[in-house]
Amino acid sequence: MLSTIEQAAKDALVAAGITGPHKSHSRHNTITNIRALVAGDPDKLFGMAAPTDYTPADVLGFLSELTGCSPDIVDTAGSDTIDPELTVRAIVEAAGRLAECAGQGASLCIVTGHPTGLLEHHIHIARAYEAAGGTVVRIAEDKRFSFGRGRSEVRYTAGVGCYGDGASLVHTHAPDCMEAMLEVGPYPDLVFGDHGFAGAAVSRNIPAIAVMDINDPALAVAHAENRDVTVIPMDDNRLPRLYRPSWELFVHALQSR
């Protein structure tokens, strides 16, 4: 049973469209991305190996376990759904993990491929993590990378890294930025990310917390394979202010450790 604060967060996250009936992606999009992942589409792999041992139905089963969506592989019309209680329980688990790491003074790299959605959320978490005794690291902050148009970098805002391309922060699924960061190093004790940022960390056996939208099945495969990743199922590109119930659960856990 959820606590009072968790139940309130659940209700607020459903009202905001962060979890519950999906506001951004259709069931068709979920099934299409699963099929693309199994076919080895690099955009869906997030820097991890293609899941050659699994059928689309297998991958949907992994996704269903984390999100509560239907395990029926039939490509039906309409929106998909994330079970709100699974979202809140995952946030609480991830927040507890962060609190434990902060208490040990562990280094955290917090990054996102969705600067238009998750940046503010992560900034609150980064500040609370440092206040709880953890270390937020800025890997390769002063480096330019060879991929892209020659202006690629990781740009940090209040400790949260995003893929930068000159004067812009970029939405990306690719692992390129995180892979380049890890080449510079050093490896952090923990990564909090999504998309290719999380996938590149998982593929290098770096412990990770990952936000996973319902159309990001690669992270569900990593979880099913018992990789060291705590997965939070939620829409990853809603209005930044709507994520407040989530970041407040993280801050509460970090302040209460």
C-alpha atoms as a PDB file:
ATOM      1  CA  MET A   1       0.000   0.000   0.000  1.00  0.00           C
ATOM      2  CA  LEU A   2       1.247   3.486  -0.846  1.00  0.00           C
ATOM      3  CA  SER A   3       1.865   5.972   1.937  1.00  0.00           C
ATOM      4  CA  THR A   4      -0.142   9.189   2.113  1.00  0.00           C
ATOM      5  CA  ILE A   5       2.612  11.217   0.433  1.00  0.00           C
ATOM      6  CA  GLU A   6       3.047   8.552  -2.244  1.00  0.00           C
ATOM      7  CA  GLN A   7      -0.684   8.403  -2.942  1.00  0.00           C
ATOM      8  CA  ALA A   8      -0.810  12.177  -3.298  1.00  0.00           C
ATOM      9  CA  ALA A   9       2.134  12.033  -5.722  1.00  0.00           C
ATOM     10  CA  LYS A  10       0.421   9.283  -7.698  1.00  0.00           C
ATOM     11  CA  ASP A  11      -2.775  11.320  -8.076  1.00  0.00           C
ATOM     12  CA  ALA A  12      -0.834  14.416  -9.112  1.00  0.00           C
ATOM     13  CA  LEU A  13       1.287  12.519 -11.652  1.00  0.00           C
ATOM     14  CA  VAL A  14      -1.826  11.018 -13.254  1.00  0.00           C
ATOM     15  CA  ALA A  15      -3.457  14.452 -13.427  1.00  0.00           C
ATOM     16  CA  ALA A  16      -0.278  15.793 -15.060  1.00  0.00           C
ATOM     17  CA  GLY A  17      -0.167  13.016 -17.644  1.00  0.00           C
ATOM     18  CA  ILE A  18       3.218  11.783 -16.407  1.00  0.00           C
ATOM     19  CA  THR A  19       1.736   8.344 -15.808  1.00  0.00           C
ATOM     20  CA  GLY A  20      -1.619   6.663 -16.421  1.00  0.00           C
ATOM     21  CA  PRO A  21      -3.203   6.985 -19.902  1.00  0.00           C
ATOM     22  CA  HIS A  22      -0.344   8.117 -22.119  1.00  0.00           C
ATOM     23  CA  LYS A  23      -0.546  11.647 -23.542  1.00  0.00           C
ATOM     24  CA  SER A  24       2.390  11.450 -25.971  1.00  0.00           C
ATOM     25  CA  HIS A  25       2.698   7.981 -27.506  1.00  0.00           C
ATOM     26  CA  SER A  26       0.203   5.589 -29.007  1.00  0.00           C
ATOM     27  CA  ARG A  27       0.055   1.830 -28.613  1.00  0.00           C
ATOM     28  CA  HIS A  28       1.066   1.643 -32.280  1.00  0.00           C
ATOM     29  CA  ASN A  29       4.251   3.596 -31.509  1.00  0.00           C
ATOM     30  CA  THR A  30       5.120   1.244 -28.644  1.00  0.00           C
ATOM     31  CA  ILE A  31       4.715  -1.879 -30.789  1.00  0.00           C
ATOM     32  CA  THR A  32       6.572  -0.292 -33.722  1.00  0.00           C
ATOM     33  CA  ASN A  33       9.547   0.578 -31.499  1.00  0.00           C
ATOM     34  CA  ILE A  34       9.641  -2.929 -30.047  1.00  0.00           C
ATOM     35  CA  ARG A  35       9.789  -4.430 -33.526  1.00  0.00           C
ATOM     36  CA  ALA A  36      12.516  -1.940 -34.518  1.00  0.00           C
ATOM     37  CA  LEU A  37      14.526  -2.825 -31.401  1.00  0.00           C
ATOM     38  CA  VAL A  38      14.399  -6.552 -32.145  1.00  0.00           C
ATOM     39  CA  ALA A  39      15.451  -5.769 -35.737  1.00  0.00           C
ATOM     40  CA  GLY A  40      18.529  -3.958 -34.391  1.00  0.00           C
ATOM     41  CA  ASP A  41      17.614  -0.320 -35.120  1.00  0.00           C
ATOM     42  CA  PRO A  42      20.467   1.714 -33.531  1.00  0.00           C
ATOM     43  CA  ASP A  43      18.040   4.507 -32.596  1.00  0.00           C
ATOM     44  CA  LYS A  44      16.169   2.079 -30.347  1.00  0.00           C
ATOM     45  CA  LEU A  45      19.190   0.239 -28.888  1.00  0.00           C
ATOM     46  CA  PHE A  46      20.431   3.187 -26.761  1.00  0.00           C
ATOM     47  CA  GLY A  47      24.015   1.898 -27.057  1.00  0.00           C
ATOM     48  CA  MET A  48      23.199  -1.629 -25.916  1.00  0.00           C
ATOM     49  CA  ALA A  49      23.387  -4.892 -27.860  1.00  0.00           C
ATOM     50  CA  ALA A  50      20.490  -5.933 -30.082  1.00  0.00           C
ATOM     51  CA  PRO A  51      18.204  -8.390 -28.229  1.00  0.00           C
ATOM     52  CA  THR A  52      18.636 -11.222 -30.723  1.00  0.00           C
ATOM     53  CA  ASP A  53      17.408 -13.895 -28.301  1.00  0.00           C
ATOM     54  CA  TYR A  54      13.965 -12.332 -27.909  1.00  0.00           C
ATOM     55  CA  THR A  55      10.822 -12.014 -29.993  1.00  0.00           C
ATOM     56  CA  PRO A  56       8.736  -8.818 -30.015  1.00  0.00           C
ATOM     57  CA  ALA A  57       6.290 -10.614 -27.712  1.00  0.00           C
ATOM     58  CA  ASP A  58       9.113 -11.318 -25.249  1.00  0.00           C
ATOM     59  CA  VAL A  59      10.166  -7.668 -25.208  1.00  0.00           C
ATOM     60  CA  LEU A  60       6.585  -6.507 -24.761  1.00  0.00           C
ATOM     61  CA  GLY A  61       6.371  -8.847 -21.787  1.00  0.00           C
ATOM     62  CA  PHE A  62       9.438  -7.191 -20.248  1.00  0.00           C
ATOM     63  CA  LEU A  63       7.900  -3.764 -20.878  1.00  0.00           C
ATOM     64  CA  SER A  64       4.565  -4.848 -19.441  1.00  0.00           C
ATOM     65  CA  GLU A  65       6.230  -5.996 -16.225  1.00  0.00           C
ATOM     66  CA  LEU A  66       7.612  -2.496 -15.635  1.00  0.00           C
ATOM     67  CA  THR A  67       4.746  -0.385 -16.969  1.00  0.00           C
ATOM     68  CA  GLY A  68       1.629  -2.488 -16.522  1.00  0.00           C
ATOM     69  CA  CYS A  69       0.719  -2.053 -20.201  1.00  0.00           C
ATOM     70  CA  SER A  70      -1.074  -4.887 -21.990  1.00  0.00           C
ATOM     71  CA  PRO A  71       1.233  -7.815 -22.878  1.00  0.00           C
ATOM     72  CA  ASP A  72      -0.837  -8.480 -26.015  1.00  0.00           C
ATOM     73  CA  ILE A  73       1.394  -7.966 -29.062  1.00  0.00           C
ATOM     74  CA  VAL A  74      -1.602  -7.002 -31.223  1.00  0.00           C
ATOM     75  CA  ASP A  75      -1.089  -3.467 -32.564  1.00  0.00           C
ATOM     76  CA  THR A  76      -4.311  -1.864 -31.382  1.00  0.00           C
ATOM     77  CA  ALA A  77      -5.512   1.674 -31.937  1.00  0.00           C
ATOM     78  CA  GLY A  78      -5.453   4.369 -29.277  1.00  0.00           C
ATOM     79  CA  SER A  79      -3.159   5.360 -26.441  1.00  0.00           C
ATOM     80  CA  ASP A  80      -1.074   3.129 -24.226  1.00  0.00           C
ATOM     81  CA  THR A  81      -1.063   3.161 -20.423  1.00  0.00           C
ATOM     82  CA  ILE A  82       1.486   3.161 -17.611  1.00  0.00           C
ATOM     83  CA  ASP A  83       0.254   1.864 -14.265  1.00  0.00           C
ATOM     84  CA  PRO A  84       0.553   4.863 -11.876  1.00  0.00           C
ATOM     85  CA  GLU A  85       1.314   2.693  -8.860  1.00  0.00           C
ATOM     86  CA  LEU A  86       4.251   1.084 -10.685  1.00  0.00           C
ATOM     87  CA  THR A  87       5.585   4.550 -11.500  1.00  0.00           C
ATOM     88  CA  VAL A  88       5.393   5.731  -7.900  1.00  0.00           C
ATOM     89  CA  ARG A  89       6.891   2.524  -6.512  1.00  0.00           C
ATOM     90  CA  ALA A  90       9.791   2.855  -8.957  1.00  0.00           C
ATOM     91  CA  ILE A  91      10.360   6.486  -7.961  1.00  0.00           C
ATOM     92  CA  VAL A  92      10.422   5.492  -4.294  1.00  0.00           C
ATOM     93  CA  GLU A  93      12.862   2.644  -5.004  1.00  0.00           C
ATOM     94  CA  ALA A  94      15.133   4.942  -7.021  1.00  0.00           C
ATOM     95  CA  ALA A  95      14.949   7.666  -4.376  1.00  0.00           C
ATOM     96  CA  GLY A  96      15.951   5.170  -1.695  1.00  0.00           C
ATOM     97  CA  ARG A  97      18.872   4.067  -3.818  1.00  0.00           C
ATOM     98  CA  LEU A  98      20.006   7.665  -4.274  1.00  0.00           C
ATOM     99  CA  ALA A  99      19.698   8.347  -0.547  1.00  0.00           C
ATOM    100  CA  GLU A 100      21.863   5.326   0.258  1.00  0.00           C
ATOM    101  CA  CYS A 101      24.495   6.403  -2.294  1.00  0.00           C
ATOM    102  CA  ALA A 102      24.483   9.985  -1.025  1.00  0.00           C
ATOM    103  CA  GLY A 103      25.080   8.722   2.498  1.00  0.00           C
ATOM    104  CA  GLN A 104      28.191   6.968   1.227  1.00  0.00           C
ATOM    105  CA  GLY A 105      29.410  10.102  -0.574  1.00  0.00           C
ATOM    106  CA  ALA A 106      29.109   8.306  -3.918  1.00  0.00           C
ATOM    107  CA  SER A 107      29.654  10.152  -7.190  1.00  0.00           C
ATOM    108  CA  LEU A 108      26.552  10.689  -9.349  1.00  0.00           C
ATOM    109  CA  CYS A 109      26.443  11.673 -13.019  1.00  0.00           C
ATOM    110  CA  ILE A 110      22.948  12.960 -13.777  1.00  0.00           C
ATOM    111  CA  VAL A 111      22.117  13.460 -17.452  1.00  0.00           C
ATOM    112  CA  THR A 112      19.158  13.555 -19.828  1.00  0.00           C
ATOM    113  CA  GLY A 113      18.407  13.261 -23.516  1.00  0.00           C
ATOM    114  CA  HIS A 114      15.170  15.181 -22.894  1.00  0.00           C
ATOM    115  CA  PRO A 115      16.205  18.702 -21.846  1.00  0.00           C
ATOM    116  CA  THR A 116      12.747  20.067 -22.704  1.00  0.00           C
ATOM    117  CA  GLY A 117      11.101  17.702 -20.233  1.00  0.00           C
ATOM    118  CA  LEU A 118      13.356  16.388 -17.502  1.00  0.00           C
ATOM    119  CA  LEU A 119      16.030  19.039 -16.941  1.00  0.00           C
ATOM    120  CA  GLU A 120      14.238  20.887 -14.138  1.00  0.00           C
ATOM    121  CA  HIS A 121      13.287  17.580 -12.494  1.00  0.00           C
ATOM    122  CA  HIS A 122      16.899  16.452 -12.468  1.00  0.00           C
ATOM    123  CA  ILE A 123      18.211  19.792 -11.200  1.00  0.00           C
ATOM    124  CA  HIS A 124      16.121  19.444  -8.043  1.00  0.00           C
ATOM    125  CA  ILE A 125      17.428  15.910  -7.560  1.00  0.00           C
ATOM    126  CA  ALA A 126      21.047  16.939  -8.121  1.00  0.00           C
ATOM    127  CA  ARG A 127      20.814  19.699  -5.519  1.00  0.00           C
ATOM    128  CA  ALA A 128      19.189  17.402  -2.967  1.00  0.00           C
ATOM    129  CA  TYR A 129      21.768  14.701  -3.628  1.00  0.00           C
ATOM    130  CA  GLU A 130      24.640  17.080  -2.907  1.00  0.00           C
ATOM    131  CA  ALA A 131      22.887  18.414   0.204  1.00  0.00           C
ATOM    132  CA  ALA A 132      22.578  14.807   1.440  1.00  0.00           C
ATOM    133  CA  GLY A 133      26.330  14.276   1.172  1.00  0.00           C
ATOM    134  CA  GLY A 134      26.707  12.886  -2.336  1.00  0.00           C
ATOM    135  CA  THR A 135      28.948  14.211  -5.087  1.00  0.00           C
ATOM    136  CA  VAL A 136      27.511  15.316  -8.435  1.00  0.00           C
ATOM    137  CA  VAL A 137      30.191  15.027 -11.118  1.00  0.00           C
ATOM    138  CA  ARG A 138      30.542  16.891 -14.412  1.00  0.00           C
ATOM    139  CA  ILE A 139      32.380  14.431 -16.637  1.00  0.00           C
ATOM    140  CA  ALA A 140      34.159  15.926 -19.683  1.00  0.00           C
ATOM    141  CA  GLU A 141      32.667  19.372 -19.072  1.00  0.00           C
ATOM    142  CA  ASP A 142      35.383  21.197 -20.974  1.00  0.00           C
ATOM    143  CA  LYS A 143      35.676  18.770 -23.919  1.00  0.00           C
ATOM    144  CA  ARG A 144      34.507  18.924 -27.524  1.00  0.00           C
ATOM    145  CA  PHE A 145      33.612  15.627 -29.157  1.00  0.00           C
ATOM    146  CA  SER A 146      34.288  14.424 -32.689  1.00  0.00           C
ATOM    147  CA  PHE A 147      30.759  13.256 -33.555  1.00  0.00           C
ATOM    148  CA  GLY A 148      28.074  15.594 -34.841  1.00  0.00           C
ATOM    149  CA  ARG A 149      29.005  18.854 -36.559  1.00  0.00           C
ATOM    150  CA  GLY A 150      32.176  19.471 -34.586  1.00  0.00           C
ATOM    151  CA  ARG A 151      30.467  21.423 -31.815  1.00  0.00           C
ATOM    152  CA  SER A 152      29.237  18.471 -29.775  1.00  0.00           C
ATOM    153  CA  GLU A 153      29.726  18.608 -26.013  1.00  0.00           C
ATOM    154  CA  VAL A 154      28.037  17.827 -22.733  1.00  0.00           C
ATOM    155  CA  ARG A 155      26.660  21.054 -21.282  1.00  0.00           C
ATOM    156  CA  TYR A 156      25.850  21.086 -17.556  1.00  0.00           C
ATOM    157  CA  THR A 157      23.090  23.181 -16.001  1.00  0.00           C
ATOM    158  CA  ALA A 158      23.117  23.122 -12.188  1.00  0.00           C
ATOM    159  CA  GLY A 159      24.981  19.823 -12.367  1.00  0.00           C
ATOM    160  CA  VAL A 160      22.731  18.125 -14.953  1.00  0.00           C
ATOM    161  CA  GLY A 161      24.328  17.201 -18.273  1.00  0.00           C
ATOM    162  CA  CYS A 162      22.681  17.392 -21.702  1.00  0.00           C
ATOM    163  CA  TYR A 163      24.016  16.910 -25.199  1.00  0.00           C
ATOM    164  CA  GLY A 164      24.960  20.354 -26.490  1.00  0.00           C
ATOM    165  CA  ASP A 165      25.502  21.407 -30.097  1.00  0.00           C
ATOM    166  CA  GLY A 166      26.826  24.938 -30.079  1.00  0.00           C
ATOM    167  CA  ALA A 167      24.101  27.159 -28.633  1.00  0.00           C
ATOM    168  CA  SER A 168      21.465  24.418 -28.345  1.00  0.00           C
ATOM    169  CA  LEU A 169      20.632  21.555 -26.025  1.00  0.00           C
ATOM    170  CA  VAL A 170      19.602  18.523 -28.065  1.00  0.00           C
ATOM    171  CA  HIS A 171      16.999  15.802 -27.647  1.00  0.00           C
ATOM    172  CA  THR A 172      18.796  12.533 -28.350  1.00  0.00           C
ATOM    173  CA  HIS A 173      18.334   8.777 -28.141  1.00  0.00           C
ATOM    174  CA  ALA A 174      21.936   8.118 -29.180  1.00  0.00           C
ATOM    175  CA  PRO A 175      24.645   6.879 -26.804  1.00  0.00           C
ATOM    176  CA  ASP A 176      27.353   8.970 -28.512  1.00  0.00           C
ATOM    177  CA  CYS A 177      27.543  11.741 -25.907  1.00  0.00           C
ATOM    178  CA  MET A 178      27.687   9.399 -22.930  1.00  0.00           C
ATOM    179  CA  GLU A 179      30.178   7.109 -24.644  1.00  0.00           C
ATOM    180  CA  ALA A 180      32.431  10.106 -25.342  1.00  0.00           C
ATOM    181  CA  MET A 181      32.077  11.284 -21.741  1.00  0.00           C
ATOM    182  CA  LEU A 182      33.034   7.879 -20.384  1.00  0.00           C
ATOM    183  CA  GLU A 183      36.064   7.766 -22.664  1.00  0.00           C
ATOM    184  CA  VAL A 184      37.275  10.887 -20.844  1.00  0.00           C
ATOM    185  CA  GLY A 185      36.183   9.509 -17.458  1.00  0.00           C
ATOM    186  CA  PRO A 186      36.448   8.773 -14.680  1.00  0.00           C
ATOM    187  CA  TYR A 187      33.446   6.487 -14.337  1.00  0.00           C
ATOM    188  CA  PRO A 188      30.936   7.690 -11.733  1.00  0.00           C
ATOM    189  CA  ASP A 189      29.595   5.403  -9.026  1.00  0.00           C
ATOM    190  CA  LEU A 190      26.058   5.868 -10.363  1.00  0.00           C
ATOM    191  CA  VAL A 191      24.362   7.330 -13.445  1.00  0.00           C
ATOM    192  CA  PHE A 192      20.872   8.835 -13.435  1.00  0.00           C
ATOM    193  CA  GLY A 193      19.745   9.175 -17.047  1.00  0.00           C
ATOM    194  CA  ASP A 194      17.579   8.025 -19.920  1.00  0.00           C
ATOM    195  CA  HIS A 195      17.865   6.974 -23.558  1.00  0.00           C
ATOM    196  CA  GLY A 196      21.450   6.491 -24.730  1.00  0.00           C
ATOM    197  CA  PHE A 197      22.870   8.133 -21.610  1.00  0.00           C
ATOM    198  CA  ALA A 198      21.453   5.311 -19.507  1.00  0.00           C
ATOM    199  CA  GLY A 199      22.098   2.639 -22.138  1.00  0.00           C
ATOM    200  CA  ALA A 200      25.778   3.532 -22.519  1.00  0.00           C
ATOM    201  CA  ALA A 201      26.229   3.335 -18.756  1.00  0.00           C
ATOM    202  CA  VAL A 202      24.439  -0.016 -18.508  1.00  0.00           C
ATOM    203  CA  SER A 203      26.526  -1.465 -21.341  1.00  0.00           C
ATOM    204  CA  ARG A 204      29.658  -0.597 -19.340  1.00  0.00           C
ATOM    205  CA  ASN A 205      28.254  -2.121 -16.145  1.00  0.00           C
ATOM    206  CA  ILE A 206      27.926   1.227 -14.402  1.00  0.00           C
ATOM    207  CA  PRO A 207      25.005   1.137 -11.931  1.00  0.00           C
ATOM    208  CA  ALA A 208      22.146   3.229 -13.257  1.00  0.00           C
ATOM    209  CA  ILE A 209      18.766   4.735 -12.545  1.00  0.00           C
ATOM    210  CA  ALA A 210      16.843   5.233 -15.781  1.00  0.00           C
ATOM    211  CA  VAL A 211      13.667   7.080 -16.703  1.00  0.00           C
ATOM    212  CA  MET A 212      11.905   4.921 -19.304  1.00  0.00           C
ATOM    213  CA  ASP A 213       9.032   6.112 -21.440  1.00  0.00           C
ATOM    214  CA  ILE A 214       6.647   3.441 -22.647  1.00  0.00           C
ATOM    215  CA  ASN A 215       8.157   3.480 -26.150  1.00  0.00           C
ATOM    216  CA  ASP A 216      11.756   2.915 -24.903  1.00  0.00           C
ATOM    217  CA  PRO A 217      11.857  -0.910 -24.741  1.00  0.00           C
ATOM    218  CA  ALA A 218      15.665  -1.306 -24.673  1.00  0.00           C
ATOM    219  CA  LEU A 219      15.754  -0.333 -21.008  1.00  0.00           C
ATOM    220  CA  ALA A 220      13.090  -2.940 -20.214  1.00  0.00           C
ATOM    221  CA  VAL A 221      15.303  -5.594 -21.834  1.00  0.00           C
ATOM    222  CA  ALA A 222      18.280  -4.480 -19.716  1.00  0.00           C
ATOM    223  CA  HIS A 223      16.154  -4.764 -16.590  1.00  0.00           C
ATOM    224  CA  ALA A 224      14.883  -8.212 -17.595  1.00  0.00           C
ATOM    225  CA  GLU A 225      18.488  -9.348 -18.058  1.00  0.00           C
ATOM    226  CA  ASN A 226      19.219  -8.332 -14.464  1.00  0.00           C
ATOM    227  CA  ARG A 227      21.526  -5.501 -15.407  1.00  0.00           C
ATOM    228  CA  ASP A 228      22.156  -3.059 -12.573  1.00  0.00           C
ATOM    229  CA  VAL A 229      19.463  -0.574 -13.538  1.00  0.00           C
ATOM    230  CA  THR A 230      16.511   0.786 -11.587  1.00  0.00           C
ATOM    231  CA  VAL A 231      13.844   1.739 -14.139  1.00  0.00           C
ATOM    232  CA  ILE A 232      11.246   4.485 -13.612  1.00  0.00           C
ATOM    233  CA  PRO A 233       8.373   4.222 -16.132  1.00  0.00           C
ATOM    234  CA  MET A 234       6.968   7.656 -16.991  1.00  0.00           C
ATOM    235  CA  ASP A 235       6.348  10.013 -19.885  1.00  0.00           C
ATOM    236  CA  ASP A 236       9.713  11.714 -20.389  1.00  0.00           C
ATOM    237  CA  ASN A 237       8.692  14.904 -22.181  1.00  0.00           C
ATOM    238  CA  ARG A 238       5.806  16.636 -20.449  1.00  0.00           C
ATOM    239  CA  LEU A 239       5.959  20.258 -19.304  1.00  0.00           C
ATOM    240  CA  PRO A 240       8.861  20.570 -16.856  1.00  0.00           C
ATOM    241  CA  ARG A 241       6.748  21.908 -13.957  1.00  0.00           C
ATOM    242  CA  LEU A 242       4.472  18.855 -14.125  1.00  0.00           C
ATOM    243  CA  TYR A 243       7.222  16.598 -12.761  1.00  0.00           C
ATOM    244  CA  ARG A 244       7.152  18.297  -9.362  1.00  0.00           C
ATOM    245  CA  PRO A 245       5.422  15.364  -7.549  1.00  0.00           C
ATOM    246  CA  SER A 246       8.237  13.092  -8.705  1.00  0.00           C
ATOM    247  CA  TRP A 247      11.143  15.302  -7.734  1.00  0.00           C
ATOM    248  CA  GLU A 248       9.498  16.012  -4.373  1.00  0.00           C
ATOM    249  CA  LEU A 249       9.548  12.275  -3.590  1.00  0.00           C
ATOM    250  CA  PHE A 250      13.264  12.208  -4.403  1.00  0.00           C
ATOM    251  CA  VAL A 251      13.964  15.296  -2.304  1.00  0.00           C
ATOM    252  CA  HIS A 252      11.941  13.884   0.606  1.00  0.00           C
ATOM    253  CA  ALA A 253      13.942  10.648   0.562  1.00  0.00           C
ATOM    254  CA  LEU A 254      17.262  12.474   0.360  1.00  0.00           C
ATOM    255  CA  GLN A 255      16.370  14.862   3.176  1.00  0.00           C
ATOM    256  CA  SER A 256      15.107  12.024   5.382  1.00  0.00           C
ATOM    257  CA  ARG A 257      18.067   9.664   5.099  1.00  0.00           C
END
